[in-house]
Amino acid sequence: MTVAVPTMSAPVTIREIAPQWQVAGKATDDLSETIAEMCRTYRCDGAILFRICNDGGGRKTQTLAVHQIDRVLTDAVIDRAVAAVTRRKGNPETLPVMIPAWRIGGKPAFIHAFPGCPKAHGQVVSAFLSVGQKEFGEIAEMYLASCSLMESIDSMRDSPIAADRPRISTREEACLAWTAEGKTSEEIGIILELSPHTVNHYLGSAARKLGASNRMHAVAKALRLGLIERPV
């Protein structure tokens, strides 16, 4: 059984989180050190970073980094995370899911799986193992951190150049920038004198142009590409 994590306001904004978890190099040591630090920051008992690879003969996985999880448990965590992320045939999950796992030390453990945006070469997923349930605010912050990390991993492979950067409108830029500051659609509507429905339309349009799976992923991509700045 998997439990979808509802959308919540994070205790800090994605603008504050994003730079902290961008990986600078392709080395496995960089990724391992990053997920180890994420485990310490968010009080997790282990983590796995892997890619679900698109293969003509079926799905395969590529382990990118592991922290404090042995080989047998690694395979089990990946299997459960993949099942949750790909449970809808032809429509991979892009929102975080919480998966009840095993009992560790007599306490229930959970896998928090954070899927990245599906790409032609596959989909990066970060999975964190924790004993006991976490508050939704902390899960939301972990999701934003994971989006930032996975986006930087994808950017290494994609290597976009400036000429290929998508063009977003002034309104889309403003809506993304205020979202980066932690504002809701209703709050952005008041600031920009728009209806929440119109704000959602601009955010959805920007996400499509950026190839993002949701507004938080769109903000992470826009920040990385230098498309948005804080509104005046």
Protein backbone atom coordinates (compact mmCIF):
# COMPACT_ATOMS: atom_id res chain seq x y z
CA MET A 1 0.00 0.00 0.00
CA THR A 2 1.24 3.48 -0.79
CA VAL A 3 0.06 6.75 0.67
CA ALA A 4 0.09 9.90 -1.46
CA VAL A 5 1.59 12.84 0.39
CA PRO A 6 -0.73 15.87 0.21
CA THR A 7 0.56 19.22 -0.98
CA MET A 8 1.72 21.25 2.02
CA SER A 9 3.49 24.55 2.59
CA ALA A 10 7.13 23.88 3.44
CA PRO A 11 8.65 25.60 6.51
CA VAL A 12 11.24 27.24 4.23
CA THR A 13 11.05 28.29 0.60
CA ILE A 14 12.47 26.43 -2.38
CA ARG A 15 14.72 29.44 -3.07
CA GLU A 16 16.41 28.78 0.27
CA ILE A 17 16.59 25.01 -0.23
CA ALA A 18 17.57 24.73 -3.92
CA PRO A 19 21.21 25.97 -3.84
CA GLN A 20 22.11 23.75 -0.89
CA TRP A 21 21.44 20.46 -2.68
CA GLN A 22 22.80 21.18 -6.17
CA VAL A 23 25.60 18.69 -6.90
CA ALA A 24 28.69 20.20 -8.50
CA GLY A 25 30.16 17.11 -10.14
CA LYS A 26 29.28 13.76 -11.66
CA ALA A 27 31.34 11.67 -9.25
CA THR A 28 29.55 9.06 -7.18
CA ASP A 29 31.31 10.43 -4.09
CA ASP A 30 29.55 13.79 -4.63
CA LEU A 31 26.13 12.12 -4.73
CA SER A 32 26.86 9.85 -1.77
CA GLU A 33 28.04 12.78 0.32
CA THR A 34 24.96 14.80 -0.65
CA ILE A 35 22.40 12.13 0.28
CA ALA A 36 24.32 11.44 3.50
CA GLU A 37 23.97 15.11 4.42
CA MET A 38 20.27 15.02 3.51
CA CYS A 39 19.82 12.04 5.85
CA ARG A 40 21.46 13.97 8.67
CA THR A 41 19.43 17.10 7.95
CA TYR A 42 16.06 15.34 7.75
CA ARG A 43 16.79 12.64 10.35
CA CYS A 44 16.51 9.65 8.01
CA ASP A 45 18.05 6.23 8.60
CA GLY A 46 19.26 5.65 5.06
CA ALA A 47 18.79 6.73 1.46
CA ILE A 48 19.10 5.50 -2.10
CA LEU A 49 19.35 7.55 -5.26
CA PHE A 50 18.58 5.60 -8.42
CA ARG A 51 17.34 5.93 -11.99
CA ILE A 52 14.51 3.96 -13.59
CA CYS A 53 15.95 3.43 -17.07
CA ASN A 54 13.82 3.24 -20.18
CA ASP A 55 14.70 0.06 -22.01
CA GLY A 56 12.94 -1.49 -24.98
CA GLY A 57 12.90 -4.81 -23.17
CA GLY A 58 11.41 -3.44 -19.96
CA ARG A 59 12.33 -1.29 -16.99
CA LYS A 60 15.75 -1.52 -15.40
CA THR A 61 17.23 0.44 -12.52
CA GLN A 62 20.63 2.06 -12.10
CA THR A 63 21.79 2.77 -8.55
CA LEU A 64 23.49 6.17 -8.36
CA ALA A 65 24.29 6.41 -4.64
CA VAL A 66 23.48 4.60 -1.38
CA HIS A 67 23.82 5.70 2.24
CA GLN A 68 23.59 3.34 5.24
CA ILE A 69 21.49 0.66 3.52
CA ASP A 70 22.90 -2.81 2.85
CA ARG A 71 22.67 -4.58 -0.51
CA VAL A 72 19.69 -6.80 0.32
CA LEU A 73 17.68 -3.94 1.80
CA THR A 74 18.71 -1.69 -1.11
CA ASP A 75 17.09 -4.07 -3.59
CA ALA A 76 13.93 -4.27 -1.48
CA VAL A 77 13.65 -0.47 -1.12
CA ILE A 78 14.19 0.05 -4.86
CA ASP A 79 11.60 -2.63 -5.72
CA ARG A 80 8.96 -0.99 -3.52
CA ALA A 81 9.77 2.52 -4.71
CA VAL A 82 9.65 1.47 -8.38
CA ALA A 83 6.30 -0.27 -7.83
CA ALA A 84 4.89 2.91 -6.28
CA VAL A 85 6.27 5.27 -8.91
CA THR A 86 5.23 3.15 -11.90
CA ARG A 87 1.94 1.79 -10.56
CA ARG A 88 -0.06 3.71 -13.16
CA LYS A 89 0.78 2.09 -16.49
CA GLY A 90 2.11 4.59 -19.01
CA ASN A 91 1.80 7.46 -16.53
CA PRO A 92 4.68 7.48 -14.02
CA GLU A 93 4.13 9.10 -10.65
CA THR A 94 5.73 12.51 -10.12
CA LEU A 95 4.46 13.31 -6.62
CA PRO A 96 6.03 12.03 -3.40
CA VAL A 97 4.69 8.80 -1.95
CA MET A 98 5.03 7.33 1.53
CA ILE A 99 5.34 3.54 1.56
CA PRO A 100 4.90 1.52 4.77
CA ALA A 101 7.96 -0.73 4.96
CA TRP A 102 9.22 -2.94 7.80
CA ARG A 103 9.57 -2.77 11.55
CA ILE A 104 13.03 -1.73 12.68
CA GLY A 105 13.83 -2.03 16.36
CA GLY A 106 10.16 -2.72 17.05
CA LYS A 107 9.07 0.53 15.38
CA PRO A 108 7.35 0.98 11.99
CA ALA A 109 9.58 2.18 9.16
CA PHE A 110 8.57 4.07 6.02
CA ILE A 111 10.07 4.66 2.59
CA HIS A 112 9.63 8.23 1.36
CA ALA A 113 9.99 8.07 -2.43
CA PHE A 114 10.47 11.32 -4.35
CA PRO A 115 10.26 10.82 -8.15
CA GLY A 116 11.91 13.25 -10.53
CA CYS A 117 10.54 14.35 -13.88
CA PRO A 118 10.50 11.50 -16.45
CA LYS A 119 13.11 11.99 -19.19
CA ALA A 120 13.87 10.18 -22.43
CA HIS A 121 16.72 8.36 -20.68
CA GLY A 122 14.70 7.52 -17.56
CA GLN A 123 13.45 8.90 -14.25
CA VAL A 124 15.61 9.67 -11.22
CA VAL A 125 14.10 8.73 -7.84
CA SER A 126 15.36 9.48 -4.35
CA ALA A 127 14.13 7.13 -1.62
CA PHE A 128 14.65 7.76 2.10
CA LEU A 129 14.13 5.17 4.83
CA SER A 130 12.99 6.47 8.21
CA VAL A 131 11.77 4.91 11.43
CA GLY A 132 8.48 6.46 12.52
CA GLN A 133 6.26 8.90 10.65
CA LYS A 134 7.38 12.39 9.72
CA GLU A 135 5.43 15.63 9.82
CA PHE A 136 4.03 16.75 6.48
CA GLY A 137 6.04 19.97 6.64
CA GLU A 138 9.28 18.01 6.88
CA ILE A 139 8.22 15.71 4.02
CA ALA A 140 7.46 18.78 1.89
CA GLU A 141 10.92 20.19 2.61
CA MET A 142 12.52 16.83 1.75
CA TYR A 143 10.57 16.86 -1.52
CA LEU A 144 11.87 20.31 -2.46
CA ALA A 145 15.43 19.29 -1.58
CA SER A 146 15.08 16.10 -3.65
CA CYS A 147 13.69 18.06 -6.62
CA SER A 148 16.73 20.32 -6.50
CA LEU A 149 19.15 17.38 -6.28
CA MET A 150 17.48 15.37 -9.06
CA GLU A 151 17.20 18.41 -11.33
CA SER A 152 20.94 19.03 -11.03
CA ILE A 153 21.62 15.36 -11.84
CA ASP A 154 19.44 15.56 -14.96
CA SER A 155 21.12 18.82 -16.00
CA MET A 156 24.50 17.06 -16.07
CA ARG A 157 23.16 14.63 -18.63
CA ASP A 158 21.04 17.08 -20.60
CA SER A 159 23.67 19.87 -20.61
CA PRO A 160 21.25 22.54 -21.86
CA ILE A 161 22.74 25.62 -23.51
CA ALA A 162 21.41 29.14 -23.17
CA ALA A 163 19.93 29.18 -26.67
CA ASP A 164 17.78 26.18 -25.77
CA ARG A 165 16.31 27.74 -22.66
CA PRO A 166 12.51 27.92 -22.79
CA ARG A 167 10.88 31.32 -22.98
CA ILE A 168 8.32 32.11 -20.33
CA SER A 169 6.03 35.12 -20.23
CA THR A 170 6.32 37.99 -17.76
CA ARG A 171 3.25 36.74 -15.88
CA GLU A 172 4.55 33.17 -15.78
CA GLU A 173 7.88 34.46 -14.50
CA ALA A 174 6.18 36.48 -11.75
CA CYS A 175 4.01 33.55 -10.65
CA LEU A 176 7.04 31.24 -10.50
CA ALA A 177 9.09 33.81 -8.59
CA TRP A 178 6.40 34.30 -5.94
CA THR A 179 5.94 30.52 -5.71
CA ALA A 180 9.67 30.31 -4.98
CA GLU A 181 9.01 32.64 -2.04
CA GLY A 182 6.47 30.19 -0.63
CA LYS A 183 3.31 32.04 -1.71
CA THR A 184 0.08 30.16 -2.46
CA SER A 185 -2.00 30.72 -5.61
CA GLU A 186 -4.43 32.81 -3.57
CA GLU A 187 -1.64 35.00 -2.17
CA ILE A 188 -0.03 35.41 -5.60
CA GLY A 189 -3.42 36.39 -7.01
CA ILE A 190 -3.73 39.18 -4.45
CA ILE A 191 -0.20 40.44 -5.17
CA LEU A 192 -0.61 40.38 -8.96
CA GLU A 193 -4.33 41.23 -8.96
CA LEU A 194 -5.27 37.96 -10.63
CA SER A 195 -7.70 35.20 -9.76
CA PRO A 196 -6.24 31.99 -8.24
CA HIS A 197 -7.50 30.16 -11.35
CA THR A 198 -5.47 32.47 -13.60
CA VAL A 199 -2.39 32.05 -11.40
CA ASN A 200 -2.72 28.26 -11.67
CA HIS A 201 -3.05 28.63 -15.44
CA TYR A 202 0.21 30.60 -15.65
CA LEU A 203 2.02 28.13 -13.40
CA GLY A 204 0.74 25.19 -15.44
CA SER A 205 1.81 26.86 -18.68
CA ALA A 206 5.27 27.59 -17.28
CA ALA A 207 5.63 23.99 -16.08
CA ARG A 208 4.79 22.67 -19.56
CA LYS A 209 7.31 24.99 -21.21
CA LEU A 210 9.99 23.92 -18.74
CA GLY A 211 9.17 20.23 -19.06
CA ALA A 212 8.40 20.11 -15.34
CA SER A 213 6.05 17.70 -13.58
CA ASN A 214 4.55 20.26 -11.17
CA ARG A 215 4.98 23.83 -9.93
CA MET A 216 7.76 23.02 -7.44
CA HIS A 217 9.74 21.23 -10.13
CA ALA A 218 9.13 24.19 -12.47
CA VAL A 219 10.50 26.60 -9.85
CA ALA A 220 13.60 24.43 -9.35
CA LYS A 221 14.25 24.40 -13.11
CA ALA A 222 13.60 28.14 -13.49
CA LEU A 223 16.02 28.94 -10.67
CA ARG A 224 18.71 26.71 -12.15
CA LEU A 225 18.30 28.26 -15.60
CA GLY A 226 18.32 31.78 -14.18
CA LEU A 227 14.85 32.54 -15.55
CA ILE A 228 13.42 34.04 -12.37
CA GLU A 229 14.45 36.54 -9.75
CA ARG A 230 12.67 37.79 -6.68
CA PRO A 231 9.86 40.23 -7.69
CA VAL A 232 10.25 43.84 -6.60
